[in-house]
Protein backbone atom coordinates (compact mmCIF):
# COMPACT_ATOMS: atom_id res chain seq x y z
CA MET A 1 108.67 125.07 97.66
CA ALA A 2 106.32 127.96 98.26
CA GLY A 3 103.55 127.46 100.17
CA PRO A 4 102.46 124.57 102.57
CA VAL A 5 104.33 121.47 102.08
CA ILE A 6 101.15 119.51 103.54
CA GLU A 7 97.70 120.57 102.93
CA VAL A 8 94.72 118.73 104.15
CA GLU A 9 91.38 120.21 103.20
CA ALA A 10 87.79 118.46 104.58
CA LEU A 11 89.31 115.11 104.77
CA THR A 12 86.83 112.32 105.76
CA ARG A 13 87.39 108.42 106.13
CA SER A 14 85.01 106.01 107.96
CA PHE A 15 85.54 102.21 108.67
CA GLY A 16 81.92 100.90 108.52
CA PRO A 17 79.79 103.01 111.18
CA VAL A 18 83.13 104.04 112.79
CA ARG A 19 83.68 107.94 111.55
CA ALA A 20 87.67 108.10 111.78
CA LEU A 21 87.94 111.29 110.27
CA ALA A 22 85.04 113.85 110.00
CA GLY A 23 86.47 116.84 107.81
CA VAL A 24 90.15 117.58 108.61
CA ASP A 25 91.57 120.84 107.66
CA LEU A 26 95.48 121.53 108.54
CA ALA A 27 98.58 122.71 106.80
CA ALA A 28 102.40 122.37 107.63
CA GLU A 29 105.15 124.97 106.35
CA PRO A 30 108.49 123.92 104.60
CA GLY A 31 111.20 123.29 107.47
CA THR A 32 108.70 122.79 110.42
CA VAL A 33 107.29 120.36 112.58
CA LEU A 34 103.56 120.12 112.81
CA ALA A 35 102.32 117.79 115.94
CA LEU A 36 99.15 116.11 116.34
CA LEU A 37 97.52 115.48 119.64
CA GLY A 38 94.44 113.71 120.41
CA PRO A 39 93.21 110.68 122.56
CA ASN A 40 93.03 107.42 121.21
CA GLY A 41 90.66 107.13 118.54
CA ALA A 42 91.02 110.82 117.21
CA GLY A 43 92.09 109.81 113.91
CA LYS A 44 95.81 110.59 114.15
CA THR A 45 97.19 107.42 112.56
CA THR A 46 94.45 107.39 109.97
CA LEU A 47 95.34 110.78 108.77
CA VAL A 48 99.12 109.80 108.90
CA ARG A 49 98.27 106.54 106.60
CA ILE A 50 96.27 108.37 104.41
CA LEU A 51 98.90 111.06 103.68
CA ALA A 52 101.57 108.15 103.21
CA THR A 53 99.00 106.79 100.49
CA LEU A 54 98.46 103.57 102.69
CA LEU A 55 94.84 104.28 102.71
CA ARG A 56 92.30 106.29 100.53
CA PRO A 57 90.13 109.06 102.26
CA ASP A 58 86.27 108.91 101.60
CA SER A 59 86.22 112.60 100.28
CA GLY A 60 88.39 115.63 100.87
CA ARG A 61 91.72 116.46 99.44
CA ALA A 62 95.23 116.06 100.89
CA CYS A 63 98.41 117.17 98.97
CA VAL A 64 102.20 116.28 100.13
CA ALA A 65 104.88 118.52 98.46
CA GLY A 66 102.20 119.64 95.87
CA TYR A 67 101.45 115.97 94.77
CA ASP A 68 97.98 114.64 95.56
CA VAL A 69 97.92 111.67 97.56
CA CYS A 70 95.25 109.99 95.69
CA ALA A 71 96.14 111.14 91.71
CA ASP A 72 99.63 111.36 92.28
CA ALA A 73 100.45 108.55 94.77
CA GLY A 74 103.79 107.29 93.42
CA ALA A 75 105.03 110.67 93.46
CA VAL A 76 103.95 111.16 96.78
CA ARG A 77 106.03 108.01 98.01
CA SER A 78 109.12 109.46 96.40
CA VAL A 79 108.98 112.55 98.80
CA ILE A 80 107.92 110.91 101.99
CA GLY A 81 109.17 108.92 104.88
CA LEU A 82 107.22 107.12 107.38
CA ALA A 83 107.87 105.90 110.92
CA GLY A 84 105.10 104.40 113.00
CA GLN A 85 104.93 103.14 116.57
CA TYR A 86 106.66 99.86 115.83
CA ALA A 87 109.93 99.58 114.18
CA ALA A 88 109.35 97.90 110.72
CA VAL A 89 112.59 96.06 110.12
CA ASP A 90 113.28 92.92 109.04
CA GLU A 91 114.47 90.53 112.19
CA MET A 92 116.28 87.80 109.63
CA LEU A 93 118.31 90.09 107.98
CA THR A 94 121.09 92.11 109.38
CA GLY A 95 121.26 95.59 110.15
CA ARG A 96 123.40 96.44 107.16
CA GLU A 97 121.18 94.15 104.81
CA ASN A 98 118.13 95.95 106.19
CA LEU A 99 119.56 99.23 105.15
CA GLU A 100 120.97 98.14 101.95
CA LEU A 101 117.51 96.63 100.79
CA ALA A 102 116.06 100.07 101.65
CA GLY A 103 118.35 101.92 99.17
CA LEU A 104 117.81 99.42 96.63
CA LEU A 105 114.18 100.00 96.77
CA TYR A 106 114.60 103.86 96.62
CA HIS A 107 116.44 102.94 93.33
CA LEU A 108 119.88 103.76 94.17
CA SER A 109 122.95 102.20 92.32
CA ARG A 110 124.73 99.69 94.30
CA ARG A 111 127.64 101.63 95.20
CA GLU A 112 125.68 104.31 96.40
CA TYR A 113 123.18 102.53 98.66
CA LYS A 114 126.07 100.52 100.26
CA ARG A 115 127.87 103.96 100.96
CA ARG A 116 124.69 105.41 102.65
CA ALA A 117 124.24 102.26 104.86
CA ALA A 118 127.74 102.57 106.14
CA VAL A 119 126.94 106.37 106.83
CA ALA A 120 123.82 105.47 108.60
CA LEU A 121 124.94 102.84 110.67
CA GLU A 122 127.85 105.17 111.93
CA ARG A 123 125.30 108.20 112.32
CA PHE A 124 123.08 105.96 114.58
CA GLY A 125 125.65 104.20 116.56
CA LEU A 126 124.81 100.70 114.94
CA THR A 127 128.19 99.96 113.29
CA SER A 128 129.25 97.39 116.01
CA ALA A 129 125.90 95.58 115.42
CA ALA A 130 125.76 95.99 111.58
CA ASP A 131 126.42 92.71 110.89
CA ARG A 132 124.19 90.93 113.48
CA MET A 133 120.52 89.56 112.58
CA VAL A 134 118.17 92.25 113.83
CA LYS A 135 116.12 89.72 116.07
CA THR A 136 119.23 90.16 118.49
CA TYR A 137 118.77 93.75 118.71
CA SER A 138 117.18 95.93 121.52
CA GLY A 139 114.22 97.98 121.03
CA GLY A 140 116.22 100.93 121.07
CA MET A 141 118.60 99.61 118.46
CA ARG A 142 115.37 98.64 116.51
CA ARG A 143 114.19 102.10 116.17
CA ARG A 144 117.13 103.57 115.29
CA LEU A 145 117.47 101.14 112.33
CA ASP A 146 113.96 101.78 111.28
CA ILE A 147 114.83 105.48 111.14
CA ALA A 148 118.15 104.93 109.41
CA ALA A 149 116.71 102.59 106.91
CA SER A 150 114.82 105.86 105.23
CA LEU A 151 118.00 107.74 105.01
CA ALA A 152 118.54 106.05 101.55
CA GLY A 153 115.78 108.27 100.15
CA ARG A 154 116.39 111.57 101.76
CA PRO A 155 112.83 112.44 101.66
CA PRO A 156 111.83 116.11 102.40
CA VAL A 157 108.71 115.24 104.13
CA LEU A 158 108.62 112.99 107.40
CA PHE A 159 105.80 111.15 109.23
CA LEU A 160 106.32 110.23 112.63
CA ASP A 161 103.38 108.22 114.03
CA GLU A 162 104.24 108.26 118.17
CA PRO A 163 107.84 107.06 116.96
CA THR A 164 109.22 107.42 120.60
CA THR A 165 106.79 105.00 122.15
CA GLY A 166 108.48 102.27 124.41
CA LEU A 167 111.88 104.28 124.21
CA ASP A 168 114.05 105.03 127.33
CA PRO A 169 114.90 108.57 127.98
CA ARG A 170 118.13 108.61 126.34
CA THR A 171 117.26 106.99 123.21
CA ARG A 172 114.31 109.24 123.33
CA ASN A 173 116.42 112.53 123.53
CA ASP A 174 118.59 111.33 120.92
CA LEU A 175 115.61 110.95 118.41
CA TRP A 176 114.53 114.48 119.41
CA ASP A 177 117.97 115.80 118.61
CA PHE A 178 118.00 113.98 115.32
CA VAL A 179 114.68 115.45 114.28
CA ARG A 180 115.60 118.85 115.20
CA GLU A 181 118.92 118.59 112.62
CA LEU A 182 116.53 117.29 110.34
CA VAL A 183 114.01 120.38 110.38
CA ALA A 184 117.15 122.67 110.53
CA SER A 185 118.33 121.22 107.43
CA GLY A 186 114.82 121.72 105.64
CA THR A 187 112.79 118.56 106.33
CA THR A 188 109.25 119.17 107.05
CA VAL A 189 108.03 116.70 110.09
CA LEU A 190 104.43 115.57 110.84
CA LEU A 191 104.35 114.04 114.37
CA THR A 192 101.76 112.41 116.26
CA THR A 193 102.18 111.84 119.91
CA GLN A 194 100.59 111.54 123.25
CA TYR A 195 103.65 112.84 125.07
CA MET A 196 103.12 116.45 125.86
CA GLU A 197 106.70 117.17 126.24
CA GLU A 198 107.46 115.99 123.04
CA ALA A 199 105.22 118.14 121.51
CA GLU A 200 106.39 121.05 123.26
CA ARG A 201 109.96 120.59 122.81
CA LEU A 202 109.94 119.80 118.96
CA ALA A 203 106.53 121.25 117.35
CA ASP A 204 106.31 124.74 115.82
CA ARG A 205 102.72 124.52 115.71
CA ILE A 206 100.22 121.79 117.39
CA ALA A 207 96.84 120.62 115.94
CA VAL A 208 94.51 119.04 118.64
CA LEU A 209 92.23 116.32 117.10
CA ALA A 210 89.14 114.78 118.68
CA ALA A 211 86.38 112.58 117.15
CA GLY A 212 88.04 113.15 113.79
CA ARG A 213 88.04 116.92 113.62
CA VAL A 214 90.58 119.40 114.59
CA ILE A 215 89.26 121.40 117.42
CA ALA A 216 92.19 123.38 118.14
CA GLN A 217 95.47 124.59 116.61
CA GLY A 218 98.36 126.91 117.22
CA THR A 219 101.58 127.33 118.77
CA ALA A 220 102.04 125.67 122.30
CA ALA A 221 102.16 129.48 123.61
CA GLU A 222 98.71 130.10 121.82
CA LEU A 223 96.91 126.95 122.93
CA LYS A 224 98.00 127.60 126.55
CA ASP A 225 96.62 131.25 126.32
CA ARG A 226 93.33 129.18 125.67
CA VAL A 227 93.27 127.75 129.01
CA GLY A 228 93.82 131.06 130.87
CA GLY A 229 96.65 132.70 132.65
CA GLY A 230 97.06 130.22 135.39
CA MET A 231 95.77 127.31 137.32
CA VAL A 232 94.58 126.83 140.73
CA GLU A 233 96.09 123.71 142.12
CA ALA A 234 95.33 122.23 145.46
CA ARG A 235 96.75 119.23 147.34
CA VAL A 236 94.47 117.76 150.03
CA THR A 237 96.00 116.21 152.85
CA ARG A 238 93.62 113.19 153.18
CA PRO A 239 92.69 111.18 149.88
CA ALA A 240 89.13 110.86 151.22
CA ASP A 241 88.72 114.57 150.61
CA LEU A 242 89.76 114.85 147.28
CA HIS A 243 86.24 114.50 145.55
CA ARG A 244 84.64 116.97 148.04
CA ALA A 245 87.62 119.40 147.18
CA ALA A 246 86.77 119.04 143.37
CA THR A 247 83.01 119.95 144.36
CA VAL A 248 83.84 122.89 146.27
CA LEU A 249 86.42 124.16 143.66
CA ALA A 250 83.95 123.83 140.79
CA GLY A 251 82.60 127.32 141.73
CA VAL A 252 85.73 129.17 141.39
CA GLY A 253 87.58 129.83 138.12
CA GLY A 254 86.76 129.10 134.47
CA GLY A 255 86.37 125.52 133.83
CA GLN A 256 85.72 122.12 135.19
CA PRO A 257 88.07 120.81 138.12
CA ARG A 258 90.36 117.84 137.24
CA THR A 259 91.36 115.43 139.88
CA ASP A 260 94.71 113.43 140.15
CA PRO A 261 94.24 110.70 142.79
CA ASP A 262 97.99 109.55 142.88
CA GLN A 263 99.20 113.25 143.64
CA ARG A 264 95.83 114.36 145.69
CA GLN A 265 95.68 117.23 143.64
CA VAL A 266 92.61 119.08 142.22
CA THR A 267 93.22 121.69 139.29
CA ILE A 268 90.82 124.32 137.73
CA PRO A 269 91.70 127.28 135.32
CA ALA A 270 91.94 130.34 137.17
CA ARG A 271 90.03 133.15 135.38
CA ASN A 272 90.99 135.90 137.61
CA GLY A 273 94.20 135.11 138.92
CA THR A 274 94.94 135.65 142.63
CA ALA A 275 91.31 136.31 143.43
CA ASP A 276 90.55 132.96 142.42
CA LEU A 277 93.10 131.60 144.62
CA LEU A 278 91.68 133.36 147.65
CA ALA A 279 88.32 132.47 146.79
CA ALA A 280 89.31 128.80 146.89
CA GLY A 281 91.35 129.12 149.98
CA ARG A 282 88.47 130.70 151.81
CA ARG A 283 85.87 127.54 150.51
CA PHE A 284 88.40 124.79 151.65
CA GLU A 285 88.64 126.48 155.17
CA GLY A 286 84.69 126.94 155.20
CA ASN A 287 84.29 123.29 154.54
CA GLY A 288 87.03 121.92 156.72
CA ILE A 289 89.31 120.34 153.73
CA ALA A 290 92.81 120.26 155.01
CA LEU A 291 95.62 121.19 152.38
CA ASP A 292 99.04 120.45 152.11
CA ASP A 293 99.50 123.00 149.31
CA LEU A 294 97.57 125.52 147.45
CA GLY A 295 98.79 127.79 144.82
CA ILE A 296 98.62 129.10 141.19
CA ARG A 297 100.87 127.84 138.49
CA HIS A 298 101.25 128.32 134.72
CA PRO A 299 99.17 126.23 132.44
CA THR A 300 101.03 123.16 130.64
CA LEU A 301 100.14 121.53 127.17
CA GLU A 302 98.70 118.70 129.30
CA ASP A 303 96.39 121.30 130.81
CA VAL A 304 95.57 122.41 127.35
CA PHE A 305 94.93 118.71 126.02
CA LEU A 306 92.55 117.87 128.98
CA ALA A 307 90.63 120.91 128.76
CA LEU A 308 90.12 120.60 125.23
CA THR A 309 89.66 116.87 124.81
CA GLY A 310 88.00 116.00 128.60
CA ASP A 311 88.58 112.79 130.07
CA ALA A 312 88.66 111.08 126.73
CA ALA A 313 92.40 110.16 126.87
CA PRO A 314 92.45 107.16 129.29
CA GLY A 315 89.55 104.99 127.85
CA SER A 316 88.82 106.08 124.22
CA PRO A 317 88.11 103.54 121.47
CA GLN A 318 91.30 103.00 119.59
CA ASP A 319 91.94 104.59 116.20
CA PRO A 320 90.85 101.89 113.80
CA GLN A 321 94.35 102.28 112.05
CA GLN A 322 96.24 102.88 115.18
CA ALA A 323 97.14 98.87 116.10
CA THR A 324 98.38 98.59 112.91
CA ALA A 325 100.29 101.59 112.18
CA SER A 326 103.54 100.62 110.87
CA PRO A 327 107.02 101.99 110.32
CA ALA A 328 109.08 103.23 107.60
CA ALA A 329 111.06 106.23 108.51
CA ALA A 330 113.08 108.94 106.55
CA ALA A 331 116.02 111.08 106.99
CA ALA A 332 119.26 112.67 105.62
CA GLU A 333 122.67 111.85 105.92
CA PRO A 334 124.57 114.14 107.99
CA GLY A 335 125.68 117.23 106.04
CA MET A 336 123.65 116.45 103.29
CA PRO A 337 120.23 118.47 103.50
CA PRO A 338 117.24 116.52 102.35
CA GLY A 339 115.68 119.42 100.51
CA ARG A 340 113.59 119.12 97.24
CA ALA A 341 116.37 119.74 95.00
CA THR A 342 118.10 116.45 96.04
CA HIS A 343 114.82 114.54 95.50
CA PRO A 344 113.37 112.87 92.22
CA ALA A 345 110.53 114.65 90.53
CA ALA A 346 107.00 112.98 89.90
CA PRO A 347 107.81 111.11 86.75
CA ALA A 348 111.00 109.49 88.49
CA ALA A 349 108.40 108.08 90.93
CA ARG A 350 106.94 105.82 88.12
CA THR A 351 108.97 102.33 87.98
CA ASN A 352 109.89 101.34 84.56
CA PRO A 353 110.77 97.28 83.66
CA VAL A 354 114.42 97.68 84.61
CA THR A 355 113.85 99.12 87.97
CA ALA A 356 110.57 96.68 88.72
CA ALA A 357 112.89 93.60 87.79
CA ARG A 358 115.59 95.38 90.38
CA ASP A 359 112.76 95.77 93.06
CA ILE A 360 111.36 92.17 92.34
CA ALA A 361 115.11 90.83 92.47
CA GLY A 362 115.71 92.63 95.76
CA ILE A 363 112.71 91.20 97.20
CA ALA A 364 113.41 87.64 96.27
CA ARG A 365 116.79 87.83 97.59
CA ARG A 366 115.49 88.75 100.97
CA THR A 367 113.12 86.00 100.76
CA LEU A 368 116.16 83.50 100.09
CA LEU A 369 117.83 84.88 103.03
CA HIS A 370 115.08 84.08 105.34
CA MET A 371 115.07 80.89 104.00
CA THR A 372 118.84 79.87 104.85
CA ARG A 373 118.39 81.55 108.30
CA THR A 374 115.18 79.94 109.35
CA PRO A 375 115.49 76.46 110.97
CA GLN A 376 111.78 75.76 111.06
CA ALA A 377 111.51 75.82 107.23
CA ILE A 378 113.29 72.41 107.20
CA LEU A 379 109.49 71.09 108.33
CA PHE A 380 108.45 71.74 104.72
CA ALA A 381 110.93 69.32 103.60
CA ILE A 382 110.42 66.57 106.18
CA GLN A 383 107.12 65.98 105.74
CA PRO A 384 107.17 64.66 101.94
CA VAL A 385 110.07 62.70 103.10
CA MET A 386 108.09 61.16 105.74
CA ILE A 387 105.13 60.47 103.34
CA LEU A 388 107.33 59.07 100.95
CA VAL A 389 109.03 56.70 103.38
CA LEU A 390 105.65 56.00 105.02
CA PHE A 391 103.92 54.74 101.67
CA ARG A 392 106.88 53.04 100.37
CA TYR A 393 107.82 50.90 103.42
CA VAL A 394 104.60 50.92 105.71
CA LEU A 395 101.30 51.27 103.44
CA GLY A 396 102.68 50.60 99.87
CA GLY A 397 102.71 46.76 100.40
CA ALA A 398 99.20 46.73 101.06
CA ILE A 399 98.18 48.96 97.88
CA LYS A 400 98.48 47.13 94.58
CA VAL A 401 98.00 48.92 91.20
CA PRO A 402 97.59 46.97 88.04
CA GLY A 403 100.36 47.31 85.59
CA ILE A 404 102.81 49.72 87.62
CA SER A 405 104.90 49.39 90.98
CA TYR A 406 103.32 51.13 93.92
CA VAL A 407 106.49 53.38 94.28
CA ASP A 408 106.27 54.50 90.48
CA TYR A 409 102.51 55.16 90.73
CA PHE A 410 102.77 57.30 94.44
CA VAL A 411 106.07 59.30 93.59
CA PRO A 412 104.65 61.75 91.30
CA ALA A 413 102.23 62.75 94.32
CA VAL A 414 105.00 63.27 96.53
CA PHE A 415 106.59 65.41 93.89
CA LEU A 416 103.58 67.65 93.97
CA GLU A 417 103.30 67.56 97.71
CA ALA A 418 106.59 68.98 98.00
CA MET A 419 105.80 71.70 95.91
CA MET A 420 102.31 72.73 97.26
CA LEU A 421 103.93 72.44 101.00
CA GLY A 422 106.81 74.69 99.90
CA THR A 423 104.44 77.21 98.45
CA MET A 424 102.72 77.69 101.73
CA ALA A 425 105.89 79.57 102.89
CA THR A 426 104.27 82.35 100.64
CA ALA A 427 101.07 82.81 102.92
CA ILE A 428 103.12 82.41 106.06
CA GLY A 429 105.63 84.94 105.01
CA LEU A 430 103.22 87.71 103.83
CA ALA A 431 101.00 87.26 106.64
CA ASP A 432 104.15 87.88 108.91
CA ASP A 433 105.41 90.86 107.05
CA LEU A 434 101.55 92.27 107.23
CA ARG A 435 101.66 91.85 111.03
CA SER A 436 105.24 93.25 111.81
CA GLY A 437 104.42 96.46 109.58
CA ILE A 438 106.98 95.75 106.92
CA ILE A 439 104.45 95.54 104.02
CA ASP A 440 103.41 99.00 105.10
CA ARG A 441 107.08 100.12 105.03
CA PHE A 442 107.18 98.73 101.32
CA ARG A 443 103.98 100.22 100.34
CA SER A 444 105.23 103.83 101.36
CA LEU A 445 108.19 103.30 99.45
CA PRO A 446 108.61 104.45 95.35
CA MET A 447 109.14 101.08 94.65
CA ALA A 448 107.32 98.96 91.99
CA ARG A 449 103.86 97.71 93.52
CA SER A 450 104.22 94.21 91.97
CA ALA A 451 107.82 93.54 93.58
CA VAL A 452 106.69 92.22 96.93
CA LEU A 453 104.07 89.70 95.50
CA ALA A 454 106.54 88.76 92.59
CA GLY A 455 109.52 88.61 94.53
CA ARG A 456 108.27 86.26 97.12
CA THR A 457 106.31 83.97 94.94
CA ILE A 458 109.53 83.61 92.58
CA ALA A 459 111.64 82.95 95.42
CA ASP A 460 109.48 80.43 97.36
CA LEU A 461 109.39 78.63 93.62
CA GLY A 462 113.16 78.54 93.52
CA ARG A 463 113.02 76.87 96.91
CA CYS A 464 110.29 74.48 95.71
CA VAL A 465 112.47 73.53 92.82
CA LEU A 466 115.26 72.84 94.99
CA ALA A 467 113.23 70.80 97.24
CA LEU A 468 111.75 69.00 93.84
CA ALA A 469 115.37 68.10 92.97
CA LEU A 470 116.17 66.74 96.39
CA MET A 471 112.96 64.71 96.54
CA THR A 472 113.58 63.18 92.93
CA GLY A 473 117.08 61.89 94.45
CA LEU A 474 115.54 60.34 97.44
CA ALA A 475 112.76 58.68 95.25
CA VAL A 476 115.44 56.99 93.12
CA VAL A 477 117.17 56.03 96.33
CA VAL A 478 113.84 54.32 97.70
CA GLY A 479 113.21 52.47 94.14
CA PHE A 480 111.52 54.79 91.93
CA ARG A 481 112.59 54.58 88.43
CA PHE A 482 112.01 56.68 85.02
CA HIS A 483 110.91 54.53 82.32
CA GLY A 484 110.18 57.51 79.86
CA THR A 485 112.17 59.76 77.76
CA ILE A 486 114.41 62.67 79.01
CA PRO A 487 112.07 65.25 77.17
CA GLY A 488 109.34 63.51 78.92
CA ALA A 489 110.73 63.69 82.31
CA LEU A 490 111.65 67.42 81.74
CA ALA A 491 108.00 68.10 80.70
CA ALA A 492 107.01 66.36 83.82
CA MET A 493 108.97 68.52 85.92
CA ALA A 494 107.53 71.83 84.27
CA LEU A 495 104.27 70.77 84.90
CA ILE A 496 105.06 70.43 88.46
CA VAL A 497 106.52 73.68 88.66
CA ALA A 498 103.88 75.44 86.68
CA PHE A 499 101.54 73.63 89.33
CA GLY A 500 103.62 74.98 92.13
CA PHE A 501 103.70 78.39 90.85
CA ALA A 502 99.99 78.95 90.49
CA PHE A 503 99.47 77.74 94.08
CA SER A 504 102.14 80.10 95.52
CA TRP A 505 99.56 83.11 94.10
CA PHE A 506 96.79 80.81 95.95
CA ASN A 507 98.74 81.06 98.95
CA ALA A 508 99.78 84.49 98.42
CA ALA A 509 96.04 85.51 98.69
CA ILE A 510 95.72 83.40 101.66
CA GLY A 511 98.43 85.15 103.57
CA LEU A 512 96.97 88.90 102.82
CA ILE A 513 93.50 87.76 103.91
CA THR A 514 94.29 86.03 107.21
CA LYS A 515 97.29 88.35 108.18
CA ASP A 516 98.65 86.07 110.74
CA PRO A 517 101.10 83.27 110.21
CA GLU A 518 99.56 80.81 112.12
CA THR A 519 96.29 81.05 110.73
CA ALA A 520 98.03 81.25 107.11
CA GLN A 521 99.51 77.93 107.78
CA VAL A 522 96.37 76.30 108.82
CA ALA A 523 94.35 77.70 105.86
CA GLY A 524 96.98 76.63 103.57
CA VAL A 525 97.16 72.94 105.05
CA LEU A 526 93.39 72.43 104.80
CA PRO A 527 93.27 72.46 100.90
CA PHE A 528 96.33 70.57 100.48
CA PHE A 529 95.26 67.63 102.39
CA LEU A 530 91.74 67.84 100.50
CA LEU A 531 93.31 67.74 97.20
CA MET A 532 96.13 65.13 97.66
CA PHE A 533 94.03 62.50 99.68
CA ALA A 534 90.77 63.11 97.62
CA SER A 535 92.76 62.31 94.37
CA SER A 536 94.18 59.66 92.39
CA ALA A 537 97.83 60.34 93.52
CA ILE A 538 97.62 57.74 96.24
CA VAL A 539 94.94 55.20 95.24
CA PRO A 540 93.11 54.65 91.62
CA VAL A 541 89.96 56.62 91.44
CA SER A 542 88.25 53.30 90.66
CA THR A 543 88.83 51.98 94.38
CA MET A 544 87.21 55.24 95.81
CA PRO A 545 83.55 55.58 96.81
CA GLY A 546 81.19 56.45 93.87
CA TRP A 547 79.94 59.67 95.29
CA LEU A 548 83.92 60.76 95.56
CA GLN A 549 84.89 59.56 91.93
CA PRO A 550 83.74 62.63 90.28
CA PHE A 551 85.59 65.25 92.19
CA ALA A 552 88.75 62.99 92.57
CA ARG A 553 88.94 62.36 88.77
CA ASP A 554 88.72 66.09 87.78
CA GLN A 555 90.55 68.07 90.33
CA PRO A 556 93.72 69.79 89.70
CA PHE A 557 95.87 67.63 91.65
CA SER A 558 94.46 64.32 90.27
CA VAL A 559 94.82 65.33 86.56
CA THR A 560 98.55 66.91 87.18
CA ALA A 561 99.39 63.75 89.14
CA SER A 562 98.12 61.52 86.24
CA ALA A 563 99.99 63.74 83.52
CA VAL A 564 103.27 63.58 85.52
CA ARG A 565 103.06 59.71 85.93
CA ALA A 566 102.39 59.13 82.39
CA LEU A 567 105.49 61.27 81.30
CA LEU A 568 107.80 59.93 83.83
CA GLN A 569 106.78 56.30 82.84
CA GLY A 570 106.29 56.73 79.09
CA GLY A 571 102.76 56.09 79.00
CA ALA A 572 99.89 57.76 77.20
CA THR A 573 99.05 61.28 78.62
CA HIS A 574 95.37 61.36 77.12
CA GLN A 575 94.11 64.96 77.95
CA TRP A 576 96.04 65.10 81.38
CA ILE A 577 98.57 67.49 80.23
CA TRP A 578 96.20 70.01 78.67
CA GLN A 579 93.86 69.70 81.95
CA SER A 580 96.87 70.35 84.05
CA LEU A 581 98.05 73.38 82.32
CA ALA A 582 94.36 74.62 82.15
CA TRP A 583 94.07 74.11 86.01
CA SER A 584 97.50 75.82 86.74
CA ALA A 585 96.78 78.88 84.27
CA GLY A 586 93.24 79.11 85.92
CA ILE A 587 94.38 79.00 89.43
CA LEU A 588 97.12 81.56 88.67
CA ILE A 589 94.85 83.98 86.89
CA VAL A 590 92.16 83.89 89.55
CA PHE A 591 94.52 84.35 92.47
CA ALA A 592 96.91 86.49 91.05
CA VAL A 593 94.43 89.11 90.45
CA THR A 594 92.92 88.40 94.14
CA ALA A 595 96.26 88.67 95.67
CA VAL A 596 97.44 91.97 93.87
CA ARG A 597 93.83 93.51 94.48
CA LEU A 598 94.28 92.51 98.14
CA TYR A 599 97.80 94.15 98.26
CA ARG A 600 96.41 97.20 97.07
CA ASN A 601 93.64 97.43 99.35
CA ILE A 602 95.33 96.56 102.39
CA THR A 603 93.74 99.20 104.89
CA ALA A 604 95.07 97.57 108.02
């Protein structure tokens, strides 16, 4: 395309009183690397998240490949790749499954995403580990998989947010080589880094951010010229002399001296070259400061960074978005340039019902694979079994219900319990995806925005239905009997499923609010125990304290348990069926809308 691929004008963003971006202007030309340097808290990650459509700016304008990040967010997602500080790969899937899921969510055909997955595995040296779960991968392997996962889309714009943090030197060099290959084939790269060597080796232009503003930009050579032609550098013999040496050197050169206690060095920009060097030597000698070395060296990019930002780097407040920046990366297959011509235009970024259904199915399959590979998931099935056994053989003999055996009275509550506990996996799974950064990856892809929530709730509902079937068989073993009609039994199961699906959306909202799996589990258990044990599911309402009876009679667990019990035993259902359906519909509508809004407004 003609003109800049990335354009940012007067961009601002605040998080409460914290001003993360305070009017940023910058541009990146096609087929180049623009590096962003700056201390923690400078706004680098916030800027990347805005450009990746994960965060909306307060004001200003930003365009990627000609698309506005706010007005054309769907189109932007179709032309970008995002890789953050941490590899956003699914630990419970294999390397191959991660890549194939990415290809599916880029709306490739099955044959094509399988082919690209195989090519990417070979390109990144992961073929031998392709069918191992990612939780067995090393950090370097996860980073390579993270980048390989975005090969499917061949996006022409790549955002790298400190991509080599924590990598060993060899893996880092391999990544640098890969970035050079991408740029040579036409990809435009925006790179944030705190490694000066990385910026110097890769960047065509560098922008330095501080306090949410671009304070300098240009090539590495141009930025070094701002410091001056050289640096006077002295290494003192005695560490105790370092502070005094900095004071002595303050009157020489063109800036403030900088000390390095580990190297016993003090450095200052040389305004007048050798004249400053000679002046420094005389001052040291006159003050009796012994030196191991004194000389002039050319300025480095680190000198530029420290001269422009002062001492902000080591102890600055963190960028409000820095800690949760999450990965999703992009690239192109070897020999296949990722230029604009290979990528879908803006209309293709808008999902239709067919592609949305495919996206939902892909997320649902991923969730079901998690279930089969997570041994601790059996805990959600064990508790209803324990409750059933406890009330059948330990407590059941002490509880009498007129006109019905206690096991027939109590089993509907066990069915509902199994369903509610099963839906807690929705909260835990979403919170875990948020913490690991996988949600950010999904949100940066050109997939249906509804797919993550719908796919997970549908898959979790499927597991709940299986648990319900198993609990039904176990209930028969311990003495439960159906006394109603087959249509009545089917209607009872339908009520239970509807109740569970509604609560899966309640738990989806819990997971998105808590953003932590352990907290999500606790938050999901509390309403479950309140609804179950303060209901007519275990004992008749008439046996409860008077102050509790109105709540216990009319709350959703009670009316659904009463409706299910009546349908299974062939009794009168009264108004319970309609009350149960009304409760389920209300919970579904309220919490589905809440969860969707929370998902769309995720900022960290």
